[in-house]
C-alpha cells in the first residue's frame, strides 16, 4: 500500500537477530510484525546455534544470527517477498505475506538444504555455474517471457562461511573463504532467471567486481550498474557489459554498506 514500508529488523534484547520482517505505516507510525522467520522456518532454526568466539564473525559472539536477512523485495502481484539470507547463502521467497506466510522456494546451493525440511522447496539449478554465496541486495530486475518467469539481480559476494550450525560444504576454488581475501578472489554481479513454473533458476549474465566478503550491492542505474564492494572500500559505475567506467576509493574504519546513484 502507498505509505507503507517493509523493513527487515531484529527485536531489541531478543533471542535472535536479523530475522524479522516488519510493516511500517508512515502516516500513523504503526509498526506490525509480519514474519518472525524463527517461527516460519522453525524446523531449520532448531538446528542452529549462536555465534561463537572462534567463528569468522567473532565480533557477534553470543548473537543468534542464524539467517542474517540483508534485503527484501516485495512482489505485489502475489503478495510475496523475496529475501536474501547471507548466513545460508540462499534467496528465499515467502508467499501470502499479509495472510498466511509460507516459504515457497529457496535458490542457492541445493546441497546446503539436503538434510533439512526444505530440500523439496529448492529450485533446481539449470546450467553449469557456481551459485551465489553470502549474497546481498537481491532486486527484481525484469519481467520474464511468461507468467511465473522473471529476473533477479544481486551482488554475489562469492564468500562461503557458516557459523550457525555444524555443517561442512566443499565449494569451488573460485569461492572465497577468507574474510579479507587472499588476492585471487572476485565478487560478481549476477542476474538470475527464475522459472517458478519449472521450479528452476539459471545464471543468464554476470561480471566480476572487486571482492567483498560481506556488505556491498550492485544496483541498476539506467543501462549501467552502480557497484559497491564494501570490504575493498571501492565503489564504481559499470556499463551494461560489465566494463568499469570509473571507480572511487576511500578509507574508513568500517565498510560502506550500499551505494546508489540518483539523477534527482
C-alpha atoms as a PDB file:
ATOM      1  CA  UNK A   1       0.000   0.000   0.000  1.00  0.00           C
ATOM      2  CA  UNK A   2       1.035   3.603  -0.514  1.00  0.00           C
ATOM      3  CA  UNK A   3       2.819   4.993   2.531  1.00  0.00           C
ATOM      4  CA  UNK A   4       3.744   1.589   3.909  1.00  0.00           C
ATOM      5  CA  UNK A   5       7.349   0.441   4.181  1.00  0.00           C
ATOM      6  CA  UNK A   6       8.541  -3.139   4.571  1.00  0.00           C
ATOM      7  CA  UNK A   7      11.651  -3.387   6.733  1.00  0.00           C
ATOM      8  CA  UNK A   8      13.964  -6.109   7.948  1.00  0.00           C
ATOM      9  CA  UNK A   9      14.707  -5.880  11.657  1.00  0.00           C
ATOM     10  CA  UNK A  10      15.534  -7.605  14.896  1.00  0.00           C
ATOM     11  CA  UNK A  11      13.961  -7.359  18.329  1.00  0.00           C
ATOM     12  CA  UNK A  12      15.996  -5.360  20.830  1.00  0.00           C
ATOM     13  CA  UNK A  13      17.080  -7.767  23.539  1.00  0.00           C
ATOM     14  CA  UNK A  14      15.548 -10.674  21.628  1.00  0.00           C
ATOM     15  CA  UNK A  15      16.962 -14.187  21.464  1.00  0.00           C
ATOM     16  CA  UNK A  16      17.760 -13.907  17.740  1.00  0.00           C
ATOM     17  CA  UNK A  17      18.877 -11.122  15.378  1.00  0.00           C
ATOM     18  CA  UNK A  18      18.163 -10.065  11.773  1.00  0.00           C
ATOM     19  CA  UNK A  19      15.252 -12.441  11.216  1.00  0.00           C
ATOM     20  CA  UNK A  20      12.063 -10.327  11.396  1.00  0.00           C
ATOM     21  CA  UNK A  21      10.033  -8.596   8.687  1.00  0.00           C
ATOM     22  CA  UNK A  22       8.024  -5.528   9.697  1.00  0.00           C
ATOM     23  CA  UNK A  23       5.415  -3.311   8.084  1.00  0.00           C
ATOM     24  CA  UNK A  24       5.655   0.394   8.961  1.00  0.00           C
ATOM     25  CA  UNK A  25       2.764   2.765   8.238  1.00  0.00           C
ATOM     26  CA  UNK A  26       4.393   6.138   7.611  1.00  0.00           C
ATOM     27  CA  UNK A  27       1.154   8.063   8.229  1.00  0.00           C
ATOM     28  CA  UNK A  28       0.116   6.521  11.529  1.00  0.00           C
ATOM     29  CA  UNK A  29       3.512   5.286  12.686  1.00  0.00           C
ATOM     30  CA  UNK A  30       2.055   1.841  13.357  1.00  0.00           C
ATOM     31  CA  UNK A  31       4.586  -0.996  13.244  1.00  0.00           C
ATOM     32  CA  UNK A  32       3.361  -4.525  12.540  1.00  0.00           C
ATOM     33  CA  UNK A  33       5.451  -7.677  12.644  1.00  0.00           C
ATOM     34  CA  UNK A  34       4.561  -9.665   9.529  1.00  0.00           C
ATOM     35  CA  UNK A  35       7.039 -12.544   9.762  1.00  0.00           C
ATOM     36  CA  UNK A  36       9.164 -13.984  12.522  1.00  0.00           C
ATOM     37  CA  UNK A  37      11.385 -16.269  10.465  1.00  0.00           C
ATOM     38  CA  UNK A  38      12.426 -18.268  13.531  1.00  0.00           C
ATOM     39  CA  UNK A  39       8.794 -19.412  13.664  1.00  0.00           C
ATOM     40  CA  UNK A  40       8.207 -19.576   9.905  1.00  0.00           C
ATOM     41  CA  UNK A  41      11.305 -21.744   9.415  1.00  0.00           C
ATOM     42  CA  UNK A  42      11.275 -23.378  12.849  1.00  0.00           C
ATOM     43  CA  UNK A  43      12.400 -26.854  11.650  1.00  0.00           C
ATOM     44  CA  UNK A  44      15.621 -25.319  10.320  1.00  0.00           C
ATOM     45  CA  UNK A  45      16.019 -22.759  13.106  1.00  0.00           C
ATOM     46  CA  UNK A  46      16.050 -25.559  15.677  1.00  0.00           C
ATOM     47  CA  UNK A  47      19.226 -26.976  14.094  1.00  0.00           C
ATOM     48  CA  UNK A  48      21.199 -23.729  14.535  1.00  0.00           C
ATOM     49  CA  UNK A  49      23.215 -22.072  17.295  1.00  0.00           C
ATOM     50  CA  UNK A  50      24.533 -18.619  18.288  1.00  0.00           C
ATOM     51  CA  UNK A  51      27.846 -17.215  17.057  1.00  0.00           C
ATOM     52  CA  UNK A  52      30.878 -18.464  18.981  1.00  0.00           C
ATOM     53  CA  UNK A  53      34.051 -16.512  19.858  1.00  0.00           C
ATOM     54  CA  UNK A  54      36.093 -18.679  17.483  1.00  0.00           C
ATOM     55  CA  UNK A  55      33.812 -18.178  14.457  1.00  0.00           C
ATOM     56  CA  UNK A  56      34.517 -15.986  11.428  1.00  0.00           C
ATOM     57  CA  UNK A  57      32.154 -13.317  12.744  1.00  0.00           C
ATOM     58  CA  UNK A  58      33.615 -13.414  16.262  1.00  0.00           C
ATOM     59  CA  UNK A  59      32.564  -9.823  16.956  1.00  0.00           C
ATOM     60  CA  UNK A  60      28.981 -11.135  17.046  1.00  0.00           C
ATOM     61  CA  UNK A  61      29.799 -13.763  19.671  1.00  0.00           C
ATOM     62  CA  UNK A  62      26.674 -14.663  21.615  1.00  0.00           C
ATOM     63  CA  UNK A  63      24.269 -13.420  18.942  1.00  0.00           C
ATOM     64  CA  UNK A  64      21.938 -15.955  17.338  1.00  0.00           C
ATOM     65  CA  UNK A  65      22.350 -14.748  13.759  1.00  0.00           C
ATOM     66  CA  UNK A  66      21.075 -17.922  12.114  1.00  0.00           C
ATOM     67  CA  UNK A  67      19.593 -16.407   8.933  1.00  0.00           C
ATOM     68  CA  UNK A  68      21.001 -12.862   8.568  1.00  0.00           C
ATOM     69  CA  UNK A  69      18.484 -11.275   6.216  1.00  0.00           C
ATOM     70  CA  UNK A  70      20.004  -8.368   4.291  1.00  0.00           C
ATOM     71  CA  UNK A  71      17.498  -7.356   1.583  1.00  0.00           C
ATOM     72  CA  UNK A  72      13.775  -7.580   0.855  1.00  0.00           C
ATOM     73  CA  UNK A  73      11.892  -7.251  -2.437  1.00  0.00           C
ATOM     74  CA  UNK A  74       8.096  -7.012  -2.364  1.00  0.00           C
ATOM     75  CA  UNK A  75       6.121  -8.725  -5.171  1.00  0.00           C
ATOM     76  CA  UNK A  76       2.700  -7.081  -5.193  1.00  0.00           C
ATOM     77  CA  UNK A  77       1.072  -9.376  -7.759  1.00  0.00           C
ATOM     78  CA  UNK A  78       1.024 -12.339  -5.374  1.00  0.00           C
ATOM     79  CA  UNK A  79       1.616 -10.530  -2.058  1.00  0.00           C
ATOM     80  CA  UNK A  80       5.009 -12.155  -1.614  1.00  0.00           C
ATOM     81  CA  UNK A  81       8.520 -11.130  -0.690  1.00  0.00           C
ATOM     82  CA  UNK A  82      11.931 -12.282  -1.831  1.00  0.00           C
ATOM     83  CA  UNK A  83      14.549 -12.008   0.909  1.00  0.00           C
ATOM     84  CA  UNK A  84      18.285 -12.553   0.865  1.00  0.00           C
ATOM     85  CA  UNK A  85      19.795 -14.705   3.622  1.00  0.00           C
ATOM     86  CA  UNK A  86      23.531 -14.194   3.902  1.00  0.00           C
ATOM     87  CA  UNK A  87      24.127 -16.877   6.502  1.00  0.00           C
ATOM     88  CA  UNK A  88      22.518 -19.663   4.440  1.00  0.00           C
ATOM     89  CA  UNK A  89      23.654 -18.226   1.064  1.00  0.00           C
ATOM     90  CA  UNK A  90      20.051 -18.573  -0.066  1.00  0.00           C
ATOM     91  CA  UNK A  91      17.421 -16.437  -1.752  1.00  0.00           C
ATOM     92  CA  UNK A  92      14.037 -17.192  -0.193  1.00  0.00           C
ATOM     93  CA  UNK A  93      10.536 -16.434  -1.474  1.00  0.00           C
ATOM     94  CA  UNK A  94       7.662 -16.169   1.009  1.00  0.00           C
ATOM     95  CA  UNK A  95       4.086 -16.036  -0.283  1.00  0.00           C
ATOM     96  CA  UNK A  96       0.903 -14.961   1.499  1.00  0.00           C
ATOM     97  CA  UNK A  97       2.697 -12.170   3.308  1.00  0.00           C
ATOM     98  CA  UNK A  98      -0.446 -10.486   4.696  1.00  0.00           C
ATOM     99  CA  UNK A  99      -2.442 -13.698   5.157  1.00  0.00           C
ATOM    100  CA  UNK A 100      -0.568 -16.928   5.851  1.00  0.00           C
ATOM    101  CA  UNK A 101       3.173 -16.521   5.201  1.00  0.00           C
ATOM    102  CA  UNK A 102       4.580 -19.657   3.591  1.00  0.00           C
ATOM    103  CA  UNK A 103       8.032 -20.481   2.235  1.00  0.00           C
ATOM    104  CA  UNK A 104       7.529 -21.028  -1.491  1.00  0.00           C
ATOM    105  CA  UNK A 105      11.070 -21.671  -2.722  1.00  0.00           C
ATOM    106  CA  UNK A 106      14.763 -21.294  -1.992  1.00  0.00           C
ATOM    107  CA  UNK A 107      17.529 -20.637  -4.547  1.00  0.00           C
ATOM    108  CA  UNK A 108      21.175 -21.399  -3.898  1.00  0.00           C
ATOM    109  CA  UNK A 109      23.443 -24.370  -3.355  1.00  0.00           C
ATOM    110  CA  UNK A 110      20.951 -27.226  -3.017  1.00  0.00           C
ATOM    111  CA  UNK A 111      23.422 -29.326  -1.016  1.00  0.00           C
ATOM    112  CA  UNK A 112      23.038 -26.928   1.897  1.00  0.00           C
ATOM    113  CA  UNK A 113      19.399 -27.956   2.395  1.00  0.00           C
ATOM    114  CA  UNK A 114      19.650 -31.704   1.644  1.00  0.00           C
ATOM    115  CA  UNK A 115      19.116 -32.911   5.202  1.00  0.00           C
ATOM    116  CA  UNK A 116      16.585 -30.250   6.177  1.00  0.00           C
ATOM    117  CA  UNK A 117      12.833 -29.849   5.919  1.00  0.00           C
ATOM    118  CA  UNK A 118      13.344 -27.516   2.934  1.00  0.00           C
ATOM    119  CA  UNK A 119      15.105 -29.845   0.493  1.00  0.00           C
ATOM    120  CA  UNK A 120      11.988 -30.224  -1.659  1.00  0.00           C
ATOM    121  CA  UNK A 121      11.487 -26.448  -1.881  1.00  0.00           C
ATOM    122  CA  UNK A 122      14.847 -25.756  -3.531  1.00  0.00           C
ATOM    123  CA  UNK A 123      14.765 -24.543  -7.112  1.00  0.00           C
ATOM    124  CA  UNK A 124      16.837 -26.780  -9.370  1.00  0.00           C
ATOM    125  CA  UNK A 125      19.980 -25.182 -10.781  1.00  0.00           C
ATOM    126  CA  UNK A 126      19.776 -25.075 -14.570  1.00  0.00           C
ATOM    127  CA  UNK A 127      23.173 -24.929 -16.273  1.00  0.00           C
ATOM    128  CA  UNK A 128      26.777 -25.157 -15.149  1.00  0.00           C
ATOM    129  CA  UNK A 129      27.721 -22.227 -12.911  1.00  0.00           C
ATOM    130  CA  UNK A 130      28.859 -21.513  -9.354  1.00  0.00           C
ATOM    131  CA  UNK A 131      25.823 -20.434  -7.317  1.00  0.00           C
ATOM    132  CA  UNK A 132      25.913 -17.362  -5.090  1.00  0.00           C
ATOM    133  CA  UNK A 133      27.447 -17.373  -1.614  1.00  0.00           C
ATOM    134  CA  UNK A 134      26.911 -14.705   1.059  1.00  0.00           C
ATOM    135  CA  UNK A 135      24.932 -12.564  -1.401  1.00  0.00           C
ATOM    136  CA  UNK A 136      23.455  -9.112  -0.776  1.00  0.00           C
ATOM    137  CA  UNK A 137      20.892  -6.781  -2.323  1.00  0.00           C
ATOM    138  CA  UNK A 138      18.648  -9.141  -4.301  1.00  0.00           C
ATOM    139  CA  UNK A 139      16.395  -6.984  -6.503  1.00  0.00           C
ATOM    140  CA  UNK A 140      13.665  -7.599  -9.069  1.00  0.00           C
ATOM    141  CA  UNK A 141      15.367  -6.886 -12.400  1.00  0.00           C
ATOM    142  CA  UNK A 142      12.947  -7.607 -15.252  1.00  0.00           C
ATOM    143  CA  UNK A 143       9.795  -9.431 -16.285  1.00  0.00           C
ATOM    144  CA  UNK A 144      10.175 -12.795 -17.973  1.00  0.00           C
ATOM    145  CA  UNK A 145       8.788 -14.247 -21.160  1.00  0.00           C
ATOM    146  CA  UNK A 146       5.680 -15.630 -19.481  1.00  0.00           C
ATOM    147  CA  UNK A 147       3.850 -15.536 -16.187  1.00  0.00           C
ATOM    148  CA  UNK A 148       5.881 -17.162 -13.446  1.00  0.00           C
ATOM    149  CA  UNK A 149       9.196 -16.239 -15.059  1.00  0.00           C
ATOM    150  CA  UNK A 150      11.253 -13.195 -14.051  1.00  0.00           C
ATOM    151  CA  UNK A 151      14.791 -11.997 -13.486  1.00  0.00           C
ATOM    152  CA  UNK A 152      16.601 -11.077 -10.265  1.00  0.00           C
ATOM    153  CA  UNK A 153      19.805  -9.056  -9.900  1.00  0.00           C
ATOM    154  CA  UNK A 154      22.148  -9.450  -6.947  1.00  0.00           C
ATOM    155  CA  UNK A 155      25.619  -8.818  -5.592  1.00  0.00           C
ATOM    156  CA  UNK A 156      27.237 -12.221  -5.280  1.00  0.00           C
ATOM    157  CA  UNK A 157      29.817 -11.724  -2.550  1.00  0.00           C
ATOM    158  CA  UNK A 158      31.169 -15.139  -3.513  1.00  0.00           C
ATOM    159  CA  UNK A 159      32.133 -15.791   0.106  1.00  0.00           C
ATOM    160  CA  UNK A 160      31.336 -19.033   1.899  1.00  0.00           C
ATOM    161  CA  UNK A 161      31.193 -19.024   5.687  1.00  0.00           C
ATOM    162  CA  UNK A 162      28.804 -20.748   8.070  1.00  0.00           C
ATOM    163  CA  UNK A 163      28.879 -20.440  11.835  1.00  0.00           C
ATOM    164  CA  UNK A 164      25.276 -21.116  12.871  1.00  0.00           C
ATOM    165  CA  UNK A 165      25.292 -24.913  12.586  1.00  0.00           C
ATOM    166  CA  UNK A 166      27.739 -27.785  12.279  1.00  0.00           C
ATOM    167  CA  UNK A 167      27.843 -28.331   8.539  1.00  0.00           C
ATOM    168  CA  UNK A 168      30.697 -28.642   6.037  1.00  0.00           C
ATOM    169  CA  UNK A 169      30.354 -27.793   2.355  1.00  0.00           C
ATOM    170  CA  UNK A 170      33.014 -28.216  -0.311  1.00  0.00           C
ATOM    171  CA  UNK A 171      32.879 -25.166  -2.585  1.00  0.00           C
ATOM    172  CA  UNK A 172      34.589 -24.347  -5.884  1.00  0.00           C
ATOM    173  CA  UNK A 173      38.132 -22.972  -5.801  1.00  0.00           C
ATOM    174  CA  UNK A 174      36.808 -19.659  -7.130  1.00  0.00           C
ATOM    175  CA  UNK A 175      34.708 -19.111  -3.991  1.00  0.00           C
ATOM    176  CA  UNK A 176      36.323 -17.042  -1.242  1.00  0.00           C
ATOM    177  CA  UNK A 177      36.567 -18.418   2.269  1.00  0.00           C
ATOM    178  CA  UNK A 178      38.714 -15.656   3.750  1.00  0.00           C
ATOM    179  CA  UNK A 179      37.011 -12.594   5.213  1.00  0.00           C
ATOM    180  CA  UNK A 180      39.552 -10.193   3.724  1.00  0.00           C
ATOM    181  CA  UNK A 181      40.531 -12.282   0.715  1.00  0.00           C
ATOM    182  CA  UNK A 182      43.862 -13.684  -0.391  1.00  0.00           C
ATOM    183  CA  UNK A 183      44.122 -11.529  -3.519  1.00  0.00           C
ATOM    184  CA  UNK A 184      42.786 -14.016  -6.051  1.00  0.00           C
ATOM    185  CA  UNK A 185      39.054 -13.844  -5.292  1.00  0.00           C
ATOM    186  CA  UNK A 186      36.430 -11.728  -7.025  1.00  0.00           C
ATOM    187  CA  UNK A 187      32.796 -10.994  -6.301  1.00  0.00           C
ATOM    188  CA  UNK A 188      30.236 -10.780  -9.098  1.00  0.00           C
ATOM    189  CA  UNK A 189      27.115  -9.085 -10.314  1.00  0.00           C
ATOM    190  CA  UNK A 190      24.639 -11.882 -11.093  1.00  0.00           C
ATOM    191  CA  UNK A 191      21.372 -11.893 -12.999  1.00  0.00           C
ATOM    192  CA  UNK A 192      19.253 -14.980 -12.404  1.00  0.00           C
ATOM    193  CA  UNK A 193      16.314 -16.200 -14.457  1.00  0.00           C
ATOM    194  CA  UNK A 194      13.709 -17.573 -12.050  1.00  0.00           C
ATOM    195  CA  UNK A 195      11.220 -20.007 -13.580  1.00  0.00           C
ATOM    196  CA  UNK A 196       8.567 -20.802 -10.996  1.00  0.00           C
ATOM    197  CA  UNK A 197       6.707 -22.997 -13.473  1.00  0.00           C
ATOM    198  CA  UNK A 198       9.647 -25.348 -13.978  1.00  0.00           C
ATOM    199  CA  UNK A 199      10.961 -24.689 -10.448  1.00  0.00           C
ATOM    200  CA  UNK A 200      14.423 -23.776 -11.776  1.00  0.00           C
ATOM    201  CA  UNK A 201      16.902 -20.918 -11.645  1.00  0.00           C
ATOM    202  CA  UNK A 202      19.651 -20.115 -14.141  1.00  0.00           C
ATOM    203  CA  UNK A 203      22.521 -17.632 -14.397  1.00  0.00           C
ATOM    204  CA  UNK A 204      21.983 -15.570 -17.552  1.00  0.00           C
ATOM    205  CA  UNK A 205      24.551 -12.803 -17.029  1.00  0.00           C
ATOM    206  CA  UNK A 206      27.461 -11.959 -14.742  1.00  0.00           C
ATOM    207  CA  UNK A 207      30.631  -9.908 -14.460  1.00  0.00           C
ATOM    208  CA  UNK A 208      33.439  -9.708 -11.925  1.00  0.00           C
ATOM    209  CA  UNK A 209      33.849  -6.863  -9.436  1.00  0.00           C
ATOM    210  CA  UNK A 210      36.300  -6.276  -6.547  1.00  0.00           C
ATOM    211  CA  UNK A 211      35.998  -8.904  -3.839  1.00  0.00           C
ATOM    212  CA  UNK A 212      33.951  -8.129  -0.754  1.00  0.00           C
ATOM    213  CA  UNK A 213      33.107 -10.943   1.634  1.00  0.00           C
ATOM    214  CA  UNK A 214      30.303  -9.017   3.367  1.00  0.00           C
ATOM    215  CA  UNK A 215      28.059  -5.937   2.888  1.00  0.00           C
ATOM    216  CA  UNK A 216      28.001  -4.464  -0.691  1.00  0.00           C
ATOM    217  CA  UNK A 217      25.460  -4.047  -3.507  1.00  0.00           C
ATOM    218  CA  UNK A 218      25.008  -3.903  -7.260  1.00  0.00           C
ATOM    219  CA  UNK A 219      22.078  -1.809  -8.458  1.00  0.00           C
ATOM    220  CA  UNK A 220      20.876  -0.969 -11.983  1.00  0.00           C
ATOM    221  CA  UNK A 221      21.283   2.681 -12.992  1.00  0.00           C
ATOM    222  CA  UNK A 222      19.696   3.141 -16.399  1.00  0.00           C
ATOM    223  CA  UNK A 223      21.651   0.809 -18.662  1.00  0.00           C
ATOM    224  CA  UNK A 224      24.593   0.877 -16.274  1.00  0.00           C
ATOM    225  CA  UNK A 225      25.370  -0.586 -12.863  1.00  0.00           C
ATOM    226  CA  UNK A 226      26.472   1.089  -9.665  1.00  0.00           C
ATOM    227  CA  UNK A 227      28.524  -1.374  -7.625  1.00  0.00           C
ATOM    228  CA  UNK A 228      29.803  -1.070  -4.075  1.00  0.00           C
ATOM    229  CA  UNK A 229      32.404  -3.533  -2.781  1.00  0.00           C
ATOM    230  CA  UNK A 230      32.438  -2.606   0.864  1.00  0.00           C
ATOM    231  CA  UNK A 231      35.350  -4.610   2.254  1.00  0.00           C
ATOM    232  CA  UNK A 232      37.524  -3.474  -0.673  1.00  0.00           C
ATOM    233  CA  UNK A 233      36.426   0.111   0.110  1.00  0.00           C
ATOM    234  CA  UNK A 234      35.655   0.931  -3.520  1.00  0.00           C
ATOM    235  CA  UNK A 235      32.543   1.826  -5.480  1.00  0.00           C
ATOM    236  CA  UNK A 236      32.132   2.435  -9.187  1.00  0.00           C
ATOM    237  CA  UNK A 237      29.930   2.561 -12.238  1.00  0.00           C
ATOM    238  CA  UNK A 238      29.970  -0.143 -14.903  1.00  0.00           C
ATOM    239  CA  UNK A 239      28.371  -0.182 -18.347  1.00  0.00           C
ATOM    240  CA  UNK A 240      25.790  -2.736 -19.449  1.00  0.00           C
ATOM    241  CA  UNK A 241      28.539  -5.152 -20.495  1.00  0.00           C
ATOM    242  CA  UNK A 242      30.260  -5.005 -17.113  1.00  0.00           C
ATOM    243  CA  UNK A 243      33.097  -2.716 -18.218  1.00  0.00           C
ATOM    244  CA  UNK A 244      34.268  -0.341 -15.486  1.00  0.00           C
ATOM    245  CA  UNK A 245      33.663   3.336 -16.323  1.00  0.00           C
ATOM    246  CA  UNK A 246      35.108   4.875 -13.160  1.00  0.00           C
ATOM    247  CA  UNK A 247      35.930   3.704  -9.667  1.00  0.00           C
ATOM    248  CA  UNK A 248      36.338   5.575  -6.398  1.00  0.00           C
ATOM    249  CA  UNK A 249      38.266   4.530  -3.297  1.00  0.00           C
ATOM    250  CA  UNK A 250      38.038   5.706   0.296  1.00  0.00           C
ATOM    251  CA  UNK A 251      39.461   4.941   3.727  1.00  0.00           C
ATOM    252  CA  UNK A 252      37.388   4.349   6.838  1.00  0.00           C
ATOM    253  CA  UNK A 253      37.279   2.182   9.931  1.00  0.00           C
ATOM    254  CA  UNK A 254      34.198   0.287   8.712  1.00  0.00           C
ATOM    255  CA  UNK A 255      32.760  -0.595   5.295  1.00  0.00           C
ATOM    256  CA  UNK A 256      30.276   1.203   3.100  1.00  0.00           C
ATOM    257  CA  UNK A 257      27.069  -0.842   3.097  1.00  0.00           C
ATOM    258  CA  UNK A 258      25.305   0.392  -0.064  1.00  0.00           C
ATOM    259  CA  UNK A 259      25.972   2.890  -2.858  1.00  0.00           C
ATOM    260  CA  UNK A 260      23.331   4.319  -5.203  1.00  0.00           C
ATOM    261  CA  UNK A 261      23.307   6.942  -7.954  1.00  0.00           C
ATOM    262  CA  UNK A 262      20.311   9.223  -8.493  1.00  0.00           C
ATOM    263  CA  UNK A 263      19.568  11.762 -11.225  1.00  0.00           C
ATOM    264  CA  UNK A 264      17.491  13.859  -8.750  1.00  0.00           C
END
